[in-house]
Amino acid sequence: MPSITRPQGDVPGLRDTDLHRLEHLAGELYRHGLEASIVAPPGRVPRLEVTHPAGAAEDVYAGRCQDGTWWFWWPWAERIASADDCDNAAAWIERVLGRPSGD
C-alpha cells in the first residue's frame, strides 16, 4: 500500500488541492444526510469534521500517495476511498458513522 506524502512545511498548492477535494466530499456527504465542516488551521493538514445524524463524528483527511493518487483517509491512516470517487467515500463514511457503537 502506498504511503501518504508528507510535505515539509505548508505547501500552498498541495493545501489548496486538499481543500478542494475536502470541499467536494463535504458536498457529497451533505447529500447523504451528514454534516461536514472543513477545519484548516495555518500550518496544519486540513481535515473534514463529519457528523452523522445519530451523533457519531470523525475526522477525514485527503492525502496524496507516493504514486500520485489521492485518497480520503481516516485519522488512524486507513483508506476510505479514492478521492476520485466522492460518492463511494460518502457512502462508506455514512455506513461507518451510522453503526451502533461497539460494532
PDB file of N, CA and C in Angstrom:
ATOM      1  N   MET A   1       0.853  -1.165   0.000  1.00  0.00           N
ATOM      2  CA  MET A   1       0.000   0.000   0.000  1.00  0.00           C
ATOM      3  C   MET A   1       0.904   1.234   0.000  1.00  0.00           C
ATOM      4  N   PRO A   2       0.690   2.173  -0.912  1.00  0.00           N
ATOM      5  CA  PRO A   2       1.493   3.393  -0.934  1.00  0.00           C
ATOM      6  C   PRO A   2       1.230   4.235   0.305  1.00  0.00           C
ATOM      7  N   SER A   3       2.235   4.964   0.732  1.00  0.00           N
ATOM      8  CA  SER A   3       2.071   5.823   1.902  1.00  0.00           C
ATOM      9  C   SER A   3       1.703   7.236   1.474  1.00  0.00           C
ATOM     10  N   ILE A   4       1.189   8.012   2.429  1.00  0.00           N
ATOM     11  CA  ILE A   4       0.845   9.408   2.168  1.00  0.00           C
ATOM     12  C   ILE A   4       2.134  10.205   2.062  1.00  0.00           C
ATOM     13  N   THR A   5       2.189  11.110   1.110  1.00  0.00           N
ATOM     14  CA  THR A   5       3.327  12.016   1.006  1.00  0.00           C
ATOM     15  C   THR A   5       3.191  13.091   2.069  1.00  0.00           C
ATOM     16  N   ARG A   6       4.208  13.276   2.880  1.00  0.00           N
ATOM     17  CA  ARG A   6       4.200  14.273   3.939  1.00  0.00           C
ATOM     18  C   ARG A   6       5.079  15.444   3.506  1.00  0.00           C
ATOM     19  N   PRO A   7       4.476  16.564   3.107  1.00  0.00           N
ATOM     20  CA  PRO A   7       5.286  17.706   2.675  1.00  0.00           C
ATOM     21  C   PRO A   7       6.015  18.344   3.850  1.00  0.00           C
ATOM     22  N   GLN A   8       7.140  18.966   3.557  1.00  0.00           N
ATOM     23  CA  GLN A   8       7.865  19.734   4.565  1.00  0.00           C
ATOM     24  C   GLN A   8       7.207  21.104   4.644  1.00  0.00           C
ATOM     25  N   GLY A   9       6.671  21.458   5.777  1.00  0.00           N
ATOM     26  CA  GLY A   9       6.021  22.760   5.944  1.00  0.00           C
ATOM     27  C   GLY A   9       4.679  22.817   5.241  1.00  0.00           C
ATOM     28  N   ASP A  10       4.159  23.996   5.113  1.00  0.00           N
ATOM     29  CA  ASP A  10       2.857  24.223   4.488  1.00  0.00           C
ATOM     30  C   ASP A  10       3.073  24.505   3.003  1.00  0.00           C
ATOM     31  N   VAL A  11       2.669  23.585   2.153  1.00  0.00           N
ATOM     32  CA  VAL A  11       2.845  23.729   0.712  1.00  0.00           C
ATOM     33  C   VAL A  11       1.535  24.259   0.139  1.00  0.00           C
ATOM     34  N   PRO A  12       1.470  25.543  -0.241  1.00  0.00           N
ATOM     35  CA  PRO A  12       0.202  26.145  -0.645  1.00  0.00           C
ATOM     36  C   PRO A  12      -0.542  25.382  -1.749  1.00  0.00           C
ATOM     37  N   GLY A  13       0.141  24.957  -2.799  1.00  0.00           N
ATOM     38  CA  GLY A  13      -0.542  24.242  -3.876  1.00  0.00           C
ATOM     39  C   GLY A  13      -1.153  22.947  -3.400  1.00  0.00           C
ATOM     40  N   LEU A  14      -0.418  22.212  -2.574  1.00  0.00           N
ATOM     41  CA  LEU A  14      -0.913  20.955  -2.032  1.00  0.00           C
ATOM     42  C   LEU A  14      -2.069  21.207  -1.075  1.00  0.00           C
ATOM     43  N   ARG A  15      -1.954  22.237  -0.248  1.00  0.00           N
ATOM     44  CA  ARG A  15      -3.018  22.588   0.697  1.00  0.00           C
ATOM     45  C   ARG A  15      -4.303  22.944  -0.051  1.00  0.00           C
ATOM     46  N   ASP A  16      -4.185  23.729  -1.132  1.00  0.00           N
ATOM     47  CA  ASP A  16      -5.359  24.091  -1.931  1.00  0.00           C
ATOM     48  C   ASP A  16      -6.015  22.851  -2.532  1.00  0.00           C
ATOM     49  N   THR A  17      -5.197  21.904  -2.963  1.00  0.00           N
ATOM     50  CA  THR A  17      -5.735  20.670  -3.538  1.00  0.00           C
ATOM     51  C   THR A  17      -6.457  19.865  -2.476  1.00  0.00           C
ATOM     52  N   ASP A  18      -5.877  19.783  -1.270  1.00  0.00           N
ATOM     53  CA  ASP A  18      -6.551  19.117  -0.154  1.00  0.00           C
ATOM     54  C   ASP A  18      -7.924  19.743   0.080  1.00  0.00           C
ATOM     55  N   LEU A  19      -7.935  21.072   0.184  1.00  0.00           N
ATOM     56  CA  LEU A  19      -9.183  21.784   0.466  1.00  0.00           C
ATOM     57  C   LEU A  19     -10.219  21.555  -0.624  1.00  0.00           C
ATOM     58  N   HIS A  20      -9.799  21.594  -1.874  1.00  0.00           N
ATOM     59  CA  HIS A  20     -10.731  21.370  -2.992  1.00  0.00           C
ATOM     60  C   HIS A  20     -11.362  19.985  -2.882  1.00  0.00           C
ATOM     61  N   ARG A  21     -10.561  18.977  -2.615  1.00  0.00           N
ATOM     62  CA  ARG A  21     -11.081  17.605  -2.505  1.00  0.00           C
ATOM     63  C   ARG A  21     -11.997  17.456  -1.299  1.00  0.00           C
ATOM     64  N   LEU A  22     -11.624  18.067  -0.180  1.00  0.00           N
ATOM     65  CA  LEU A  22     -12.468  18.006   1.011  1.00  0.00           C
ATOM     66  C   LEU A  22     -13.781  18.745   0.807  1.00  0.00           C
ATOM     67  N   GLU A  23     -13.754  19.875   0.099  1.00  0.00           N
ATOM     68  CA  GLU A  23     -14.988  20.610  -0.205  1.00  0.00           C
ATOM     69  C   GLU A  23     -15.919  19.765  -1.063  1.00  0.00           C
ATOM     70  N   HIS A  24     -15.360  19.097  -2.046  1.00  0.00           N
ATOM     71  CA  HIS A  24     -16.162  18.238  -2.924  1.00  0.00           C
ATOM     72  C   HIS A  24     -16.799  17.105  -2.105  1.00  0.00           C
ATOM     73  N   LEU A  25     -16.005  16.478  -1.227  1.00  0.00           N
ATOM     74  CA  LEU A  25     -16.540  15.407  -0.382  1.00  0.00           C
ATOM     75  C   LEU A  25     -17.597  15.954   0.572  1.00  0.00           C
ATOM     76  N   ALA A  26     -17.395  17.145   1.118  1.00  0.00           N
ATOM     77  CA  ALA A  26     -18.383  17.741   2.032  1.00  0.00           C
ATOM     78  C   ALA A  26     -19.742  17.873   1.347  1.00  0.00           C
ATOM     79  N   GLY A  27     -19.740  18.294   0.088  1.00  0.00           N
ATOM     80  CA  GLY A  27     -20.998  18.395  -0.649  1.00  0.00           C
ATOM     81  C   GLY A  27     -21.669  17.046  -0.821  1.00  0.00           C
ATOM     82  N   GLU A  28     -20.888  16.029  -1.093  1.00  0.00           N
ATOM     83  CA  GLU A  28     -21.448  14.677  -1.254  1.00  0.00           C
ATOM     84  C   GLU A  28     -21.964  14.151   0.084  1.00  0.00           C
ATOM     85  N   LEU A  29     -21.250  14.426   1.158  1.00  0.00           N
ATOM     86  CA  LEU A  29     -21.706  13.989   2.486  1.00  0.00           C
ATOM     87  C   LEU A  29     -23.028  14.657   2.849  1.00  0.00           C
ATOM     88  N   TYR A  30     -23.165  15.931   2.499  1.00  0.00           N
ATOM     89  CA  TYR A  30     -24.413  16.652   2.741  1.00  0.00           C
ATOM     90  C   TYR A  30     -25.576  15.956   2.024  1.00  0.00           C
ATOM     91  N   ARG A  31     -25.344  15.529   0.788  1.00  0.00           N
ATOM     92  CA  ARG A  31     -26.382  14.811   0.025  1.00  0.00           C
ATOM     93  C   ARG A  31     -26.730  13.470   0.670  1.00  0.00           C
ATOM     94  N   HIS A  32     -25.802  12.931   1.459  1.00  0.00           N
ATOM     95  CA  HIS A  32     -26.045  11.671   2.173  1.00  0.00           C
ATOM     96  C   HIS A  32     -26.637  11.910   3.563  1.00  0.00           C
ATOM     97  N   GLY A  33     -26.908  13.179   3.905  1.00  0.00           N
ATOM     98  CA  GLY A  33     -27.543  13.495   5.175  1.00  0.00           C
ATOM     99  C   GLY A  33     -26.588  13.694   6.337  1.00  0.00           C
ATOM    100  N   LEU A  34     -25.299  13.855   6.059  1.00  0.00           N
ATOM    101  CA  LEU A  34     -24.324  14.075   7.110  1.00  0.00           C
ATOM    102  C   LEU A  34     -23.895  15.537   7.129  1.00  0.00           C
ATOM    103  N   GLU A  35     -23.411  15.989   8.272  1.00  0.00           N
ATOM    104  CA  GLU A  35     -22.863  17.342   8.381  1.00  0.00           C
ATOM    105  C   GLU A  35     -21.357  17.251   8.237  1.00  0.00           C
ATOM    106  N   ALA A  36     -20.771  18.230   7.562  1.00  0.00           N
ATOM    107  CA  ALA A  36     -19.321  18.231   7.378  1.00  0.00           C
ATOM    108  C   ALA A  36     -18.815  19.667   7.415  1.00  0.00           C
ATOM    109  N   SER A  37     -17.757  19.872   8.172  1.00  0.00           N
ATOM    110  CA  SER A  37     -17.140  21.192   8.282  1.00  0.00           C
ATOM    111  C   SER A  37     -15.649  21.065   8.018  1.00  0.00           C
ATOM    112  N   ILE A  38     -15.124  21.966   7.201  1.00  0.00           N
ATOM    113  CA  ILE A  38     -13.688  21.968   6.929  1.00  0.00           C
ATOM    114  C   ILE A  38     -12.968  22.717   8.037  1.00  0.00           C
ATOM    115  N   VAL A  39     -11.905  22.110   8.525  1.00  0.00           N
ATOM    116  CA  VAL A  39     -11.042  22.719   9.524  1.00  0.00           C
ATOM    117  C   VAL A  39      -9.664  22.829   8.871  1.00  0.00           C
ATOM    118  N   ALA A  40      -9.154  24.062   8.753  1.00  0.00           N
ATOM    119  CA  ALA A  40      -7.886  24.278   8.056  1.00  0.00           C
ATOM    120  C   ALA A  40      -7.023  25.297   8.797  1.00  0.00           C
ATOM    121  N   PRO A  41      -6.515  24.912   9.969  1.00  0.00           N
ATOM    122  CA  PRO A  41      -5.665  25.846  10.699  1.00  0.00           C
ATOM    123  C   PRO A  41      -4.336  26.064   9.968  1.00  0.00           C
ATOM    124  N   PRO A  42      -3.772  27.260  10.040  1.00  0.00           N
ATOM    125  CA  PRO A  42      -2.495  27.536   9.373  1.00  0.00           C
ATOM    126  C   PRO A  42      -1.399  26.579   9.854  1.00  0.00           C
ATOM    127  N   GLY A  43      -0.646  26.063   8.900  1.00  0.00           N
ATOM    128  CA  GLY A  43       0.462  25.181   9.236  1.00  0.00           C
ATOM    129  C   GLY A  43       0.073  23.757   9.574  1.00  0.00           C
ATOM    130  N   ARG A  44      -1.210  23.433   9.482  1.00  0.00           N
ATOM    131  CA  ARG A  44      -1.696  22.081   9.805  1.00  0.00           C
ATOM    132  C   ARG A  44      -2.366  21.485   8.583  1.00  0.00           C
ATOM    133  N   VAL A  45      -2.508  20.176   8.565  1.00  0.00           N
ATOM    134  CA  VAL A  45      -3.167  19.481   7.464  1.00  0.00           C
ATOM    135  C   VAL A  45      -4.674  19.742   7.562  1.00  0.00           C
ATOM    136  N   PRO A  46      -5.299  20.210   6.470  1.00  0.00           N
ATOM    137  CA  PRO A  46      -6.753  20.423   6.500  1.00  0.00           C
ATOM    138  C   PRO A  46      -7.483  19.094   6.728  1.00  0.00           C
ATOM    139  N   ARG A  47      -8.634  19.191   7.362  1.00  0.00           N
ATOM    140  CA  ARG A  47      -9.443  17.991   7.602  1.00  0.00           C
ATOM    141  C   ARG A  47     -10.916  18.351   7.515  1.00  0.00           C
ATOM    142  N   LEU A  48     -11.713  17.334   7.410  1.00  0.00           N
ATOM    143  CA  LEU A  48     -13.161  17.484   7.374  1.00  0.00           C
ATOM    144  C   LEU A  48     -13.701  16.859   8.646  1.00  0.00           C
ATOM    145  N   GLU A  49     -14.444  17.614   9.442  1.00  0.00           N
ATOM    146  CA  GLU A  49     -15.116  17.070  10.619  1.00  0.00           C
ATOM    147  C   GLU A  49     -16.502  16.636  10.171  1.00  0.00           C
ATOM    148  N   VAL A  50     -16.767  15.343  10.251  1.00  0.00           N
ATOM    149  CA  VAL A  50     -18.015  14.776   9.748  1.00  0.00           C
ATOM    150  C   VAL A  50     -18.844  14.271  10.922  1.00  0.00           C
ATOM    151  N   THR A  51     -20.130  14.617  10.917  1.00  0.00           N
ATOM    152  CA  THR A  51     -21.045  14.185  11.976  1.00  0.00           C
ATOM    153  C   THR A  51     -22.254  13.501  11.352  1.00  0.00           C
ATOM    154  N   HIS A  52     -22.565  12.315  11.865  1.00  0.00           N
ATOM    155  CA  HIS A  52     -23.741  11.549  11.435  1.00  0.00           C
ATOM    156  C   HIS A  52     -24.938  12.022  12.257  1.00  0.00           C
ATOM    157  N   PRO A  53     -26.152  12.010  11.688  1.00  0.00           N
ATOM    158  CA  PRO A  53     -27.334  12.434  12.464  1.00  0.00           C
ATOM    159  C   PRO A  53     -27.521  11.647  13.767  1.00  0.00           C
ATOM    160  N   ALA A  54     -27.027  10.411  13.815  1.00  0.00           N
ATOM    161  CA  ALA A  54     -27.151   9.600  15.027  1.00  0.00           C
ATOM    162  C   ALA A  54     -26.174  10.044  16.109  1.00  0.00           C
ATOM    163  N   GLY A  55     -25.249  10.966  15.770  1.00  0.00           N
ATOM    164  CA  GLY A  55     -24.350  11.527  16.763  1.00  0.00           C
ATOM    165  C   GLY A  55     -22.887  11.165  16.625  1.00  0.00           C
ATOM    166  N   ALA A  56     -22.566  10.101  15.909  1.00  0.00           N
ATOM    167  CA  ALA A  56     -21.158   9.724  15.737  1.00  0.00           C
ATOM    168  C   ALA A  56     -20.444  10.772  14.884  1.00  0.00           C
ATOM    169  N   ALA A  57     -19.179  11.016  15.201  1.00  0.00           N
ATOM    170  CA  ALA A  57     -18.400  12.011  14.459  1.00  0.00           C
ATOM    171  C   ALA A  57     -16.973  11.513  14.279  1.00  0.00           C
ATOM    172  N   GLU A  58     -16.354  11.948  13.191  1.00  0.00           N
ATOM    173  CA  GLU A  58     -14.967  11.572  12.926  1.00  0.00           C
ATOM    174  C   GLU A  58     -14.356  12.557  11.952  1.00  0.00           C
ATOM    175  N   ASP A  59     -13.045  12.655  11.978  1.00  0.00           N
ATOM    176  CA  ASP A  59     -12.327  13.485  11.018  1.00  0.00           C
ATOM    177  C   ASP A  59     -11.976  12.664   9.785  1.00  0.00           C
ATOM    178  N   VAL A  60     -11.892  13.343   8.641  1.00  0.00           N
ATOM    179  CA  VAL A  60     -11.491  12.730   7.375  1.00  0.00           C
ATOM    180  C   VAL A  60     -10.440  13.630   6.752  1.00  0.00           C
ATOM    181  N   TYR A  61      -9.421  13.015   6.191  1.00  0.00           N
ATOM    182  CA  TYR A  61      -8.326  13.740   5.548  1.00  0.00           C
ATOM    183  C   TYR A  61      -8.254  13.349   4.077  1.00  0.00           C
ATOM    184  N   ALA A  62      -7.674  14.226   3.261  1.00  0.00           N
ATOM    185  CA  ALA A  62      -7.340  13.901   1.873  1.00  0.00           C
ATOM    186  C   ALA A  62      -5.824  13.862   1.801  1.00  0.00           C
ATOM    187  N   GLY A  63      -5.299  12.842   1.148  1.00  0.00           N
ATOM    188  CA  GLY A  63      -3.854  12.735   1.053  1.00  0.00           C
ATOM    189  C   GLY A  63      -3.423  12.147  -0.265  1.00  0.00           C
ATOM    190  N   ARG A  64      -2.288  12.626  -0.748  1.00  0.00           N
ATOM    191  CA  ARG A  64      -1.719  12.124  -1.997  1.00  0.00           C
ATOM    192  C   ARG A  64      -0.689  11.059  -1.669  1.00  0.00           C
ATOM    193  N   CYS A  65      -0.807   9.917  -2.314  1.00  0.00           N
ATOM    194  CA  CYS A  65       0.151   8.833  -2.131  1.00  0.00           C
ATOM    195  C   CYS A  65       1.385   9.084  -2.981  1.00  0.00           C
ATOM    196  N   GLN A  66       2.424   8.321  -2.736  1.00  0.00           N
ATOM    197  CA  GLN A  66       3.667   8.480  -3.472  1.00  0.00           C
ATOM    198  C   GLN A  66       3.490   8.236  -4.967  1.00  0.00           C
ATOM    199  N   ASP A  67       2.500   7.441  -5.331  1.00  0.00           N
ATOM    200  CA  ASP A  67       2.265   7.181  -6.762  1.00  0.00           C
ATOM    201  C   ASP A  67       1.436   8.291  -7.420  1.00  0.00           C
ATOM    202  N   GLY A  68       1.085   9.330  -6.649  1.00  0.00           N
ATOM    203  CA  GLY A  68       0.349  10.471  -7.189  1.00  0.00           C
ATOM    204  C   GLY A  68      -1.158  10.378  -7.069  1.00  0.00           C
ATOM    205  N   THR A  69      -1.691   9.242  -6.641  1.00  0.00           N
ATOM    206  CA  THR A  69      -3.138   9.106  -6.482  1.00  0.00           C
ATOM    207  C   THR A  69      -3.575   9.751  -5.178  1.00  0.00           C
ATOM    208  N   TRP A  70      -4.808  10.249  -5.174  1.00  0.00           N
ATOM    209  CA  TRP A  70      -5.375  10.904  -3.988  1.00  0.00           C
ATOM    210  C   TRP A  70      -6.422  10.000  -3.361  1.00  0.00           C
ATOM    211  N   TRP A  71      -6.425   9.956  -2.042  1.00  0.00           N
ATOM    212  CA  TRP A  71      -7.365   9.138  -1.278  1.00  0.00           C
ATOM    213  C   TRP A  71      -7.908   9.939  -0.114  1.00  0.00           C
ATOM    214  N   PHE A  72      -9.080   9.532   0.353  1.00  0.00           N
ATOM    215  CA  PHE A  72      -9.608  10.023   1.623  1.00  0.00           C
ATOM    216  C   PHE A  72      -9.192   9.014   2.683  1.00  0.00           C
ATOM    217  N   TRP A  73      -8.825   9.541   3.853  1.00  0.00           N
ATOM    218  CA  TRP A  73      -8.264   8.718   4.921  1.00  0.00           C
ATOM    219  C   TRP A  73      -8.948   9.004   6.253  1.00  0.00           C
ATOM    220  N   TRP A  74      -9.064   7.955   7.076  1.00  0.00           N
ATOM    221  CA  TRP A  74      -9.441   8.124   8.469  1.00  0.00           C
ATOM    222  C   TRP A  74      -8.220   8.629   9.227  1.00  0.00           C
ATOM    223  N   PRO A  75      -8.383   9.200  10.412  1.00  0.00           N
ATOM    224  CA  PRO A  75      -7.236   9.703  11.175  1.00  0.00           C
ATOM    225  C   PRO A  75      -6.256   8.597  11.590  1.00  0.00           C
ATOM    226  N   TRP A  76      -6.702   7.358  11.620  1.00  0.00           N
ATOM    227  CA  TRP A  76      -5.819   6.257  12.004  1.00  0.00           C
ATOM    228  C   TRP A  76      -5.104   5.677  10.776  1.00  0.00           C
ATOM    229  N   ALA A  77      -5.071   6.447   9.682  1.00  0.00           N
ATOM    230  CA  ALA A  77      -4.310   6.126   8.457  1.00  0.00           C
ATOM    231  C   ALA A  77      -4.857   4.930   7.689  1.00  0.00           C
ATOM    232  N   GLU A  78      -6.166   4.728   7.745  1.00  0.00           N
ATOM    233  CA  GLU A  78      -6.824   3.706   6.927  1.00  0.00           C
ATOM    234  C   GLU A  78      -7.539   4.415   5.786  1.00  0.00           C
ATOM    235  N   ARG A  79      -7.356   3.893   4.582  1.00  0.00           N
ATOM    236  CA  ARG A  79      -8.018   4.479   3.417  1.00  0.00           C
ATOM    237  C   ARG A  79      -9.526   4.310   3.500  1.00  0.00           C
ATOM    238  N   ILE A  80     -10.222   5.338   3.030  1.00  0.00           N
ATOM    239  CA  ILE A  80     -11.681   5.274   2.931  1.00  0.00           C
ATOM    240  C   ILE A  80     -12.058   4.934   1.497  1.00  0.00           C
ATOM    241  N   ALA A  81     -11.629   5.781   0.560  1.00  0.00           N
ATOM    242  CA  ALA A  81     -11.927   5.581  -0.860  1.00  0.00           C
ATOM    243  C   ALA A  81     -11.074   6.546  -1.668  1.00  0.00           C
ATOM    244  N   SER A  82     -10.992   6.278  -2.943  1.00  0.00           N
ATOM    245  CA  SER A  82     -10.274   7.170  -3.844  1.00  0.00           C
ATOM    246  C   SER A  82     -10.929   8.542  -3.825  1.00  0.00           C
ATOM    247  N   ALA A  83     -10.129   9.594  -3.887  1.00  0.00           N
ATOM    248  CA  ALA A  83     -10.675  10.951  -3.928  1.00  0.00           C
ATOM    249  C   ALA A  83     -11.385  11.231  -5.241  1.00  0.00           C
ATOM    250  N   ASP A  84     -11.209  10.369  -6.225  1.00  0.00           N
ATOM    251  CA  ASP A  84     -11.931  10.497  -7.490  1.00  0.00           C
ATOM    252  C   ASP A  84     -13.337   9.920  -7.406  1.00  0.00           C
ATOM    253  N   ASP A  85     -13.685   9.299  -6.275  1.00  0.00           N
ATOM    254  CA  ASP A  85     -14.987   8.651  -6.109  1.00  0.00           C
ATOM    255  C   ASP A  85     -15.650   9.137  -4.824  1.00  0.00           C
ATOM    256  N   CYS A  86     -16.069  10.405  -4.826  1.00  0.00           N
ATOM    257  CA  CYS A  86     -16.659  11.007  -3.624  1.00  0.00           C
ATOM    258  C   CYS A  86     -17.956  10.323  -3.208  1.00  0.00           C
ATOM    259  N   ASP A  87     -18.734   9.829  -4.161  1.00  0.00           N
ATOM    260  CA  ASP A  87     -19.983   9.157  -3.812  1.00  0.00           C
ATOM    261  C   ASP A  87     -19.699   7.899  -2.992  1.00  0.00           C
ATOM    262  N   ASN A  88     -18.740   7.097  -3.432  1.00  0.00           N
ATOM    263  CA  ASN A  88     -18.377   5.893  -2.692  1.00  0.00           C
ATOM    264  C   ASN A  88     -17.795   6.252  -1.324  1.00  0.00           C
ATOM    265  N   ALA A  89     -16.954   7.281  -1.272  1.00  0.00           N
ATOM    266  CA  ALA A  89     -16.385   7.721   0.002  1.00  0.00           C
ATOM    267  C   ALA A  89     -17.485   8.156   0.965  1.00  0.00           C
ATOM    268  N   ALA A  90     -18.436   8.947   0.477  1.00  0.00           N
ATOM    269  CA  ALA A  90     -19.531   9.418   1.328  1.00  0.00           C
ATOM    270  C   ALA A  90     -20.390   8.260   1.825  1.00  0.00           C
ATOM    271  N   ALA A  91     -20.663   7.302   0.944  1.00  0.00           N
ATOM    272  CA  ALA A  91     -21.479   6.146   1.336  1.00  0.00           C
ATOM    273  C   ALA A  91     -20.765   5.327   2.415  1.00  0.00           C
ATOM    274  N   TRP A  92     -19.443   5.151   2.258  1.00  0.00           N
ATOM    275  CA  TRP A  92     -18.687   4.383   3.248  1.00  0.00           C
ATOM    276  C   TRP A  92     -18.631   5.117   4.587  1.00  0.00           C
ATOM    277  N   ILE A  93     -18.390   6.410   4.552  1.00  0.00           N
ATOM    278  CA  ILE A  93     -18.356   7.214   5.782  1.00  0.00           C
ATOM    279  C   ILE A  93     -19.716   7.152   6.481  1.00  0.00           C
ATOM    280  N   GLU A  94     -20.782   7.263   5.698  1.00  0.00           N
ATOM    281  CA  GLU A  94     -22.134   7.177   6.270  1.00  0.00           C
ATOM    282  C   GLU A  94     -22.346   5.828   6.958  1.00  0.00           C
ATOM    283  N   ARG A  95     -21.924   4.727   6.322  1.00  0.00           N
ATOM    284  CA  ARG A  95     -22.079   3.392   6.916  1.00  0.00           C
ATOM    285  C   ARG A  95     -21.274   3.278   8.208  1.00  0.00           C
ATOM    286  N   VAL A  96     -20.019   3.710   8.170  1.00  0.00           N
ATOM    287  CA  VAL A  96     -19.164   3.576   9.350  1.00  0.00           C
ATOM    288  C   VAL A  96     -19.702   4.399  10.523  1.00  0.00           C
ATOM    289  N   LEU A  97     -20.043   5.662  10.262  1.00  0.00           N
ATOM    290  CA  LEU A  97     -20.529   6.507  11.353  1.00  0.00           C
ATOM    291  C   LEU A  97     -21.938   6.144  11.796  1.00  0.00           C
ATOM    292  N   GLY A  98     -22.693   5.453  10.957  1.00  0.00           N
ATOM    293  CA  GLY A  98     -24.055   5.068  11.308  1.00  0.00           C
ATOM    294  C   GLY A  98     -24.152   3.778  12.098  1.00  0.00           C
ATOM    295  N   ARG A  99     -23.020   3.072  12.252  1.00  0.00           N
ATOM    296  CA  ARG A  99     -23.025   1.812  13.023  1.00  0.00           C
ATOM    297  C   ARG A  99     -23.233   2.119  14.507  1.00  0.00           C
ATOM    298  N   PRO A 100     -23.980   1.241  15.181  1.00  0.00           N
ATOM    299  CA  PRO A 100     -24.083   1.406  16.643  1.00  0.00           C
ATOM    300  C   PRO A 100     -22.708   1.244  17.268  1.00  0.00           C
ATOM    301  N   SER A 101     -22.431   1.984  18.328  1.00  0.00           N
ATOM    302  CA  SER A 101     -21.117   1.878  18.983  1.00  0.00           C
ATOM    303  C   SER A 101     -20.913   0.452  19.495  1.00  0.00           C
ATOM    304  N   GLY A 102     -19.657   0.012  19.410  1.00  0.00           N
ATOM    305  CA  GLY A 102     -19.329  -1.347  19.835  1.00  0.00           C
ATOM    306  C   GLY A 102     -19.306  -2.331  18.703  1.00  0.00           C
ATOM    307  N   ASP A 103     -19.751  -1.925  17.494  1.00  0.00           N
ATOM    308  CA  ASP A 103     -19.721  -2.845  16.346  1.00  0.00           C
ATOM    309  C   ASP A 103     -18.387  -2.807  15.653  1.00  0.00           C
TER     310      ASP A 103
END
